PDB file of N, CA and C in Angstrom:
ATOM      1  N   MET A   1     187.859 223.418  27.087  1.00  0.00           N
ATOM      2  CA  MET A   1     188.080 223.414  28.517  1.00  0.00           C
ATOM      3  C   MET A   1     187.133 224.385  29.217  1.00  0.00           C
ATOM      4  N   ARG A   2     186.821 225.476  28.548  1.00  0.00           N
ATOM      5  CA  ARG A   2     185.955 226.483  29.150  1.00  0.00           C
ATOM      6  C   ARG A   2     184.554 225.943  29.381  1.00  0.00           C
ATOM      7  N   TRP A   3     184.045 225.134  28.461  1.00  0.00           N
ATOM      8  CA  TRP A   3     182.696 224.601  28.603  1.00  0.00           C
ATOM      9  C   TRP A   3     182.596 223.659  29.784  1.00  0.00           C
ATOM     10  N   ILE A   4     183.695 223.000  30.154  1.00  0.00           N
ATOM     11  CA  ILE A   4     183.689 222.132  31.336  1.00  0.00           C
ATOM     12  C   ILE A   4     183.472 222.972  32.592  1.00  0.00           C
ATOM     13  N   ALA A   5     184.168 224.102  32.666  1.00  0.00           N
ATOM     14  CA  ALA A   5     184.007 224.993  33.821  1.00  0.00           C
ATOM     15  C   ALA A   5     182.586 225.539  33.893  1.00  0.00           C
ATOM     16  N   ILE A   6     182.035 225.917  32.754  1.00  0.00           N
ATOM     17  CA  ILE A   6     180.669 226.457  32.726  1.00  0.00           C
ATOM     18  C   ILE A   6     179.665 225.379  33.133  1.00  0.00           C
ATOM     19  N   ALA A   7     179.854 224.166  32.634  1.00  0.00           N
ATOM     20  CA  ALA A   7     178.947 223.070  32.994  1.00  0.00           C
ATOM     21  C   ALA A   7     179.053 222.756  34.484  1.00  0.00           C
ATOM     22  N   TYR A   8     180.263 222.790  35.028  1.00  0.00           N
ATOM     23  CA  TYR A   8     180.451 222.509  36.456  1.00  0.00           C
ATOM     24  C   TYR A   8     179.782 223.581  37.307  1.00  0.00           C
ATOM     25  N   ILE A   9     179.945 224.834  36.945  1.00  0.00           N
ATOM     26  CA  ILE A   9     179.310 225.932  37.683  1.00  0.00           C
ATOM     27  C   ILE A   9     177.791 225.796  37.616  1.00  0.00           C
ATOM     28  N   HIS A  10     177.270 225.444  36.453  1.00  0.00           N
ATOM     29  CA  HIS A  10     175.820 225.267  36.305  1.00  0.00           C
ATOM     30  C   HIS A  10     175.332 224.106  37.176  1.00  0.00           C
ATOM     31  N   PHE A  11     176.104 223.029  37.225  1.00  0.00           N
ATOM     32  CA  PHE A  11     175.754 221.875  38.052  1.00  0.00           C
ATOM     33  C   PHE A  11     175.736 222.242  39.531  1.00  0.00           C
ATOM     34  N   ILE A  12     176.742 222.959  39.979  1.00  0.00           N
ATOM     35  CA  ILE A  12     176.821 223.396  41.371  1.00  0.00           C
ATOM     36  C   ILE A  12     175.670 224.347  41.678  1.00  0.00           C
ATOM     37  N   LYS A  13     175.378 225.230  40.750  1.00  0.00           N
ATOM     38  CA  LYS A  13     174.330 226.225  40.931  1.00  0.00           C
ATOM     39  C   LYS A  13     172.971 225.556  41.138  1.00  0.00           C
ATOM     40  N   MET A  14     172.722 224.491  40.413  1.00  0.00           N
ATOM     41  CA  MET A  14     171.447 223.808  40.528  1.00  0.00           C
ATOM     42  C   MET A  14     171.307 223.093  41.869  1.00  0.00           C
ATOM     43  N   GLN A  15     172.408 222.687  42.458  1.00  0.00           N
ATOM     44  CA  GLN A  15     172.348 221.922  43.695  1.00  0.00           C
ATOM     45  C   GLN A  15     172.205 222.795  44.932  1.00  0.00           C
ATOM     46  N   LEU A  16     172.542 224.047  44.828  1.00  0.00           N
ATOM     47  CA  LEU A  16     172.484 224.913  45.995  1.00  0.00           C
ATOM     48  C   LEU A  16     171.043 225.328  46.293  1.00  0.00           C
ATOM     49  N   GLU A  17     170.717 225.306  47.536  1.00  0.00           N
ATOM     50  CA  GLU A  17     169.383 225.718  47.972  1.00  0.00           C
ATOM     51  C   GLU A  17     169.343 227.226  48.166  1.00  0.00           C
ATOM     52  N   LYS A  18     168.171 227.735  48.430  1.00  0.00           N
ATOM     53  CA  LYS A  18     167.991 229.177  48.622  1.00  0.00           C
ATOM     54  C   LYS A  18     168.813 229.683  49.802  1.00  0.00           C
ATOM     55  N   GLU A  19     168.833 228.933  50.888  1.00  0.00           N
ATOM     56  CA  GLU A  19     169.598 229.349  52.068  1.00  0.00           C
ATOM     57  C   GLU A  19     171.100 229.365  51.787  1.00  0.00           C
ATOM     58  N   SER A  20     171.545 228.449  50.962  1.00  0.00           N
ATOM     59  CA  SER A  20     172.967 228.420  50.607  1.00  0.00           C
ATOM     60  C   SER A  20     173.354 229.675  49.837  1.00  0.00           C
ATOM     61  N   TRP A  21     172.487 230.126  48.928  1.00  0.00           N
ATOM     62  CA  TRP A  21     172.768 231.343  48.179  1.00  0.00           C
ATOM     63  C   TRP A  21     172.788 232.553  49.100  1.00  0.00           C
ATOM     64  N   LYS A  22     171.907 232.542  50.112  1.00  0.00           N
ATOM     65  CA  LYS A  22     171.901 233.636  51.089  1.00  0.00           C
ATOM     66  C   LYS A  22     173.228 233.690  51.836  1.00  0.00           C
ATOM     67  N   ILE A  23     173.712 232.538  52.251  1.00  0.00           N
ATOM     68  CA  ILE A  23     174.979 232.477  52.993  1.00  0.00           C
ATOM     69  C   ILE A  23     176.135 232.933  52.112  1.00  0.00           C
ATOM     70  N   ILE A  24     176.153 232.477  50.864  1.00  0.00           N
ATOM     71  CA  ILE A  24     177.217 232.888  49.944  1.00  0.00           C
ATOM     72  C   ILE A  24     177.184 234.399  49.731  1.00  0.00           C
ATOM     73  N   ALA A  25     175.989 234.952  49.546  1.00  0.00           N
ATOM     74  CA  ALA A  25     175.866 236.404  49.349  1.00  0.00           C
ATOM     75  C   ALA A  25     176.347 237.162  50.583  1.00  0.00           C
ATOM     76  N   GLN A  26     176.011 236.667  51.776  1.00  0.00           N
ATOM     77  CA  GLN A  26     176.458 237.329  53.003  1.00  0.00           C
ATOM     78  C   GLN A  26     177.971 237.265  53.137  1.00  0.00           C
ATOM     79  N   LYS A  27     178.569 236.155  52.752  1.00  0.00           N
ATOM     80  CA  LYS A  27     180.030 236.031  52.832  1.00  0.00           C
ATOM     81  C   LYS A  27     180.719 236.947  51.829  1.00  0.00           C
ATOM     82  N   ILE A  28     180.105 237.156  50.678  1.00  0.00           N
ATOM     83  CA  ILE A  28     180.676 238.094  49.704  1.00  0.00           C
ATOM     84  C   ILE A  28     180.576 239.524  50.233  1.00  0.00           C
ATOM     85  N   PHE A  29     179.456 239.854  50.898  1.00  0.00           N
ATOM     86  CA  PHE A  29     179.346 241.155  51.573  1.00  0.00           C
ATOM     87  C   PHE A  29     180.456 241.303  52.607  1.00  0.00           C
ATOM     88  N   ASP A  30     180.668 240.249  53.402  1.00  0.00           N
ATOM     89  CA  ASP A  30     181.712 240.284  54.424  1.00  0.00           C
ATOM     90  C   ASP A  30     183.089 240.473  53.809  1.00  0.00           C
ATOM     91  N   LEU A  31     183.330 239.818  52.671  1.00  0.00           N
ATOM     92  CA  LEU A  31     184.608 239.968  51.984  1.00  0.00           C
ATOM     93  C   LEU A  31     184.832 241.418  51.547  1.00  0.00           C
ATOM     94  N   GLY A  32     183.794 242.039  51.008  1.00  0.00           N
ATOM     95  CA  GLY A  32     183.903 243.444  50.613  1.00  0.00           C
ATOM     96  C   GLY A  32     184.153 244.349  51.802  1.00  0.00           C
ATOM     97  N   ASN A  33     183.433 244.109  52.904  1.00  0.00           N
ATOM     98  CA  ASN A  33     183.625 244.915  54.113  1.00  0.00           C
ATOM     99  C   ASN A  33     185.022 244.724  54.691  1.00  0.00           C
ATOM    100  N   LEU A  34     185.498 243.501  54.692  1.00  0.00           N
ATOM    101  CA  LEU A  34     186.842 243.233  55.207  1.00  0.00           C
ATOM    102  C   LEU A  34     187.899 243.912  54.340  1.00  0.00           C
ATOM    103  N   GLY A  35     187.710 243.846  53.031  1.00  0.00           N
ATOM    104  CA  GLY A  35     188.671 244.470  52.120  1.00  0.00           C
ATOM    105  C   GLY A  35     188.754 245.972  52.299  1.00  0.00           C
ATOM    106  N   ILE A  36     187.615 246.637  52.430  1.00  0.00           N
ATOM    107  CA  ILE A  36     187.630 248.092  52.599  1.00  0.00           C
ATOM    108  C   ILE A  36     188.179 248.466  53.973  1.00  0.00           C
ATOM    109  N   THR A  37     187.912 247.629  54.982  1.00  0.00           N
ATOM    110  CA  THR A  37     188.453 247.880  56.327  1.00  0.00           C
ATOM    111  C   THR A  37     189.973 247.783  56.325  1.00  0.00           C
ATOM    112  N   VAL A  38     190.501 246.771  55.674  1.00  0.00           N
ATOM    113  CA  VAL A  38     191.958 246.609  55.589  1.00  0.00           C
ATOM    114  C   VAL A  38     192.576 247.776  54.828  1.00  0.00           C
ATOM    115  N   LEU A  39     191.923 248.203  53.760  1.00  0.00           N
ATOM    116  CA  LEU A  39     192.427 249.332  52.978  1.00  0.00           C
ATOM    117  C   LEU A  39     192.487 250.593  53.833  1.00  0.00           C
ATOM    118  N   ILE A  40     191.421 250.905  54.536  1.00  0.00           N
ATOM    119  CA  ILE A  40     191.388 252.117  55.367  1.00  0.00           C
ATOM    120  C   ILE A  40     192.392 252.021  56.510  1.00  0.00           C
ATOM    121  N   PHE A  41     192.467 250.864  57.153  1.00  0.00           N
ATOM    122  CA  PHE A  41     193.417 250.687  58.244  1.00  0.00           C
ATOM    123  C   PHE A  41     194.855 250.832  57.744  1.00  0.00           C
ATOM    124  N   GLY A  42     195.133 250.254  56.580  1.00  0.00           N
ATOM    125  CA  GLY A  42     196.471 250.377  56.004  1.00  0.00           C
ATOM    126  C   GLY A  42     196.818 251.819  55.650  1.00  0.00           C
ATOM    127  N   LEU A  43     195.837 252.563  55.165  1.00  0.00           N
ATOM    128  CA  LEU A  43     196.079 253.966  54.841  1.00  0.00           C
ATOM    129  C   LEU A  43     196.321 254.795  56.100  1.00  0.00           C
ATOM    130  N   LEU A  44     195.632 254.444  57.187  1.00  0.00           N
ATOM    131  CA  LEU A  44     195.789 255.203  58.430  1.00  0.00           C
ATOM    132  C   LEU A  44     197.143 254.976  59.091  1.00  0.00           C
ATOM    133  N   ILE A  45     197.662 253.751  59.039  1.00  0.00           N
ATOM    134  CA  ILE A  45     198.919 253.479  59.732  1.00  0.00           C
ATOM    135  C   ILE A  45     200.145 253.680  58.842  1.00  0.00           C
ATOM    136  N   SER A  46     199.927 253.875  57.550  1.00  0.00           N
ATOM    137  CA  SER A  46     201.038 254.042  56.621  1.00  0.00           C
ATOM    138  C   SER A  46     201.611 255.458  56.719  1.00  0.00           C
ATOM    139  N   LYS A  47     202.911 255.544  56.612  1.00  0.00           N
ATOM    140  CA  LYS A  47     203.570 256.851  56.621  1.00  0.00           C
ATOM    141  C   LYS A  47     203.817 257.360  55.201  1.00  0.00           C
ATOM    142  N   GLN A  48     203.485 256.538  54.219  1.00  0.00           N
ATOM    143  CA  GLN A  48     203.665 256.939  52.827  1.00  0.00           C
ATOM    144  C   GLN A  48     202.447 257.716  52.348  1.00  0.00           C
ATOM    145  N   ALA A  49     202.631 258.387  51.225  1.00  0.00           N
ATOM    146  CA  ALA A  49     201.522 259.128  50.627  1.00  0.00           C
ATOM    147  C   ALA A  49     200.447 258.148  50.135  1.00  0.00           C
ATOM    148  N   ILE A  50     199.230 258.620  50.099  1.00  0.00           N
ATOM    149  CA  ILE A  50     198.116 257.779  49.659  1.00  0.00           C
ATOM    150  C   ILE A  50     198.233 257.543  48.158  1.00  0.00           C
ATOM    151  N   ASN A  51     198.198 256.278  47.764  1.00  0.00           N
ATOM    152  CA  ASN A  51     198.276 255.913  46.370  1.00  0.00           C
ATOM    153  C   ASN A  51     196.868 255.909  45.780  1.00  0.00           C
ATOM    154  N   PHE A  52     196.619 256.792  44.840  1.00  0.00           N
ATOM    155  CA  PHE A  52     195.290 256.929  44.240  1.00  0.00           C
ATOM    156  C   PHE A  52     194.816 255.634  43.592  1.00  0.00           C
ATOM    157  N   TRP A  53     195.709 254.929  42.895  1.00  0.00           N
ATOM    158  CA  TRP A  53     195.316 253.707  42.193  1.00  0.00           C
ATOM    159  C   TRP A  53     194.961 252.596  43.166  1.00  0.00           C
ATOM    160  N   LEU A  54     195.656 252.528  44.271  1.00  0.00           N
ATOM    161  CA  LEU A  54     195.352 251.502  45.269  1.00  0.00           C
ATOM    162  C   LEU A  54     193.994 251.766  45.915  1.00  0.00           C
ATOM    163  N   VAL A  55     193.716 253.005  46.223  1.00  0.00           N
ATOM    164  CA  VAL A  55     192.418 253.362  46.799  1.00  0.00           C
ATOM    165  C   VAL A  55     191.302 253.103  45.784  1.00  0.00           C
ATOM    166  N   SER A  56     191.541 253.456  44.538  1.00  0.00           N
ATOM    167  CA  SER A  56     190.545 253.216  43.491  1.00  0.00           C
ATOM    168  C   SER A  56     190.266 251.728  43.321  1.00  0.00           C
ATOM    169  N   LEU A  57     191.313 250.930  43.314  1.00  0.00           N
ATOM    170  CA  LEU A  57     191.147 249.485  43.195  1.00  0.00           C
ATOM    171  C   LEU A  57     190.371 248.912  44.383  1.00  0.00           C
ATOM    172  N   GLY A  58     190.667 249.385  45.576  1.00  0.00           N
ATOM    173  CA  GLY A  58     189.948 248.933  46.765  1.00  0.00           C
ATOM    174  C   GLY A  58     188.472 249.272  46.717  1.00  0.00           C
ATOM    175  N   ILE A  59     188.158 250.468  46.272  1.00  0.00           N
ATOM    176  CA  ILE A  59     186.748 250.883  46.177  1.00  0.00           C
ATOM    177  C   ILE A  59     186.032 250.090  45.089  1.00  0.00           C
ATOM    178  N   ILE A  60     186.708 249.856  43.971  1.00  0.00           N
ATOM    179  CA  ILE A  60     186.101 249.060  42.895  1.00  0.00           C
ATOM    180  C   ILE A  60     185.836 247.634  43.374  1.00  0.00           C
ATOM    181  N   LEU A  61     186.779 247.032  44.082  1.00  0.00           N
ATOM    182  CA  LEU A  61     186.575 245.677  44.601  1.00  0.00           C
ATOM    183  C   LEU A  61     185.447 245.640  45.625  1.00  0.00           C
ATOM    184  N   TYR A  62     185.368 246.665  46.459  1.00  0.00           N
ATOM    185  CA  TYR A  62     184.290 246.744  47.447  1.00  0.00           C
ATOM    186  C   TYR A  62     182.925 246.829  46.768  1.00  0.00           C
ATOM    187  N   LEU A  63     182.814 247.712  45.797  1.00  0.00           N
ATOM    188  CA  LEU A  63     181.547 247.868  45.079  1.00  0.00           C
ATOM    189  C   LEU A  63     181.200 246.609  44.285  1.00  0.00           C
ATOM    190  N   SER A  64     182.209 245.932  43.750  1.00  0.00           N
ATOM    191  CA  SER A  64     181.970 244.683  43.028  1.00  0.00           C
ATOM    192  C   SER A  64     181.404 243.617  43.956  1.00  0.00           C
ATOM    193  N   CYS A  65     181.976 243.495  45.141  1.00  0.00           N
ATOM    194  CA  CYS A  65     181.471 242.520  46.114  1.00  0.00           C
ATOM    195  C   CYS A  65     180.035 242.847  46.510  1.00  0.00           C
ATOM    196  N   LEU A  66     179.735 244.115  46.701  1.00  0.00           N
ATOM    197  CA  LEU A  66     178.364 244.494  47.031  1.00  0.00           C
ATOM    198  C   LEU A  66     177.412 244.161  45.891  1.00  0.00           C
ATOM    199  N   LEU A  67     177.808 244.463  44.677  1.00  0.00           N
ATOM    200  CA  LEU A  67     176.954 244.199  43.519  1.00  0.00           C
ATOM    201  C   LEU A  67     176.718 242.701  43.335  1.00  0.00           C
ATOM    202  N   ILE A  68     177.751 241.904  43.493  1.00  0.00           N
ATOM    203  CA  ILE A  68     177.611 240.451  43.364  1.00  0.00           C
ATOM    204  C   ILE A  68     176.705 239.910  44.462  1.00  0.00           C
ATOM    205  N   GLY A  69     176.891 240.394  45.674  1.00  0.00           N
ATOM    206  CA  GLY A  69     176.040 239.947  46.784  1.00  0.00           C
ATOM    207  C   GLY A  69     174.577 240.301  46.582  1.00  0.00           C
ATOM    208  N   ILE A  70     174.316 241.516  46.126  1.00  0.00           N
ATOM    209  CA  ILE A  70     172.938 241.926  45.864  1.00  0.00           C
ATOM    210  C   ILE A  70     172.331 241.104  44.744  1.00  0.00           C
ATOM    211  N   THR A  71     173.122 240.847  43.709  1.00  0.00           N
ATOM    212  CA  THR A  71     172.634 240.038  42.590  1.00  0.00           C
ATOM    213  C   THR A  71     172.275 238.630  43.050  1.00  0.00           C
ATOM    214  N   LEU A  72     173.120 238.044  43.885  1.00  0.00           N
ATOM    215  CA  LEU A  72     172.832 236.701  44.388  1.00  0.00           C
ATOM    216  C   LEU A  72     171.594 236.678  45.263  1.00  0.00           C
ATOM    217  N   LEU A  73     171.411 237.701  46.072  1.00  0.00           N
ATOM    218  CA  LEU A  73     170.212 237.742  46.935  1.00  0.00           C
ATOM    219  C   LEU A  73     168.939 237.908  46.128  1.00  0.00           C
ATOM    220  N   ARG A  74     168.985 238.678  45.083  1.00  0.00           N
ATOM    221  CA  ARG A  74     167.785 238.899  44.256  1.00  0.00           C
ATOM    222  C   ARG A  74     167.478 237.707  43.362  1.00  0.00           C
ATOM    223  N   LYS A  75     168.524 236.964  42.992  1.00  0.00           N
ATOM    224  CA  LYS A  75     168.324 235.859  42.069  1.00  0.00           C
ATOM    225  C   LYS A  75     167.499 234.744  42.681  1.00  0.00           C
ATOM    226  N   LYS A  76     167.689 234.481  43.922  1.00  0.00           N
ATOM    227  CA  LYS A  76     167.005 233.346  44.560  1.00  0.00           C
ATOM    228  C   LYS A  76     165.932 233.795  45.467  1.00  0.00           C
TER     229      LYS A  76
END
């Protein structure tokens, strides 16, 4: 079953043009920015103590989105 998913991703990848990859990379950047914005806004309005693991997870997801976006931009 896994090889079907890999073949499908490869097929989709071949069909996308350079501009499509740019748009996808920009949307992944936007997703990371939106996620970190929601995290900071939630921390500011919350009356509870700051949860270290939640902040760490948010930063890791933000950095992951940036890394994926940069990788996509450089690839094409």
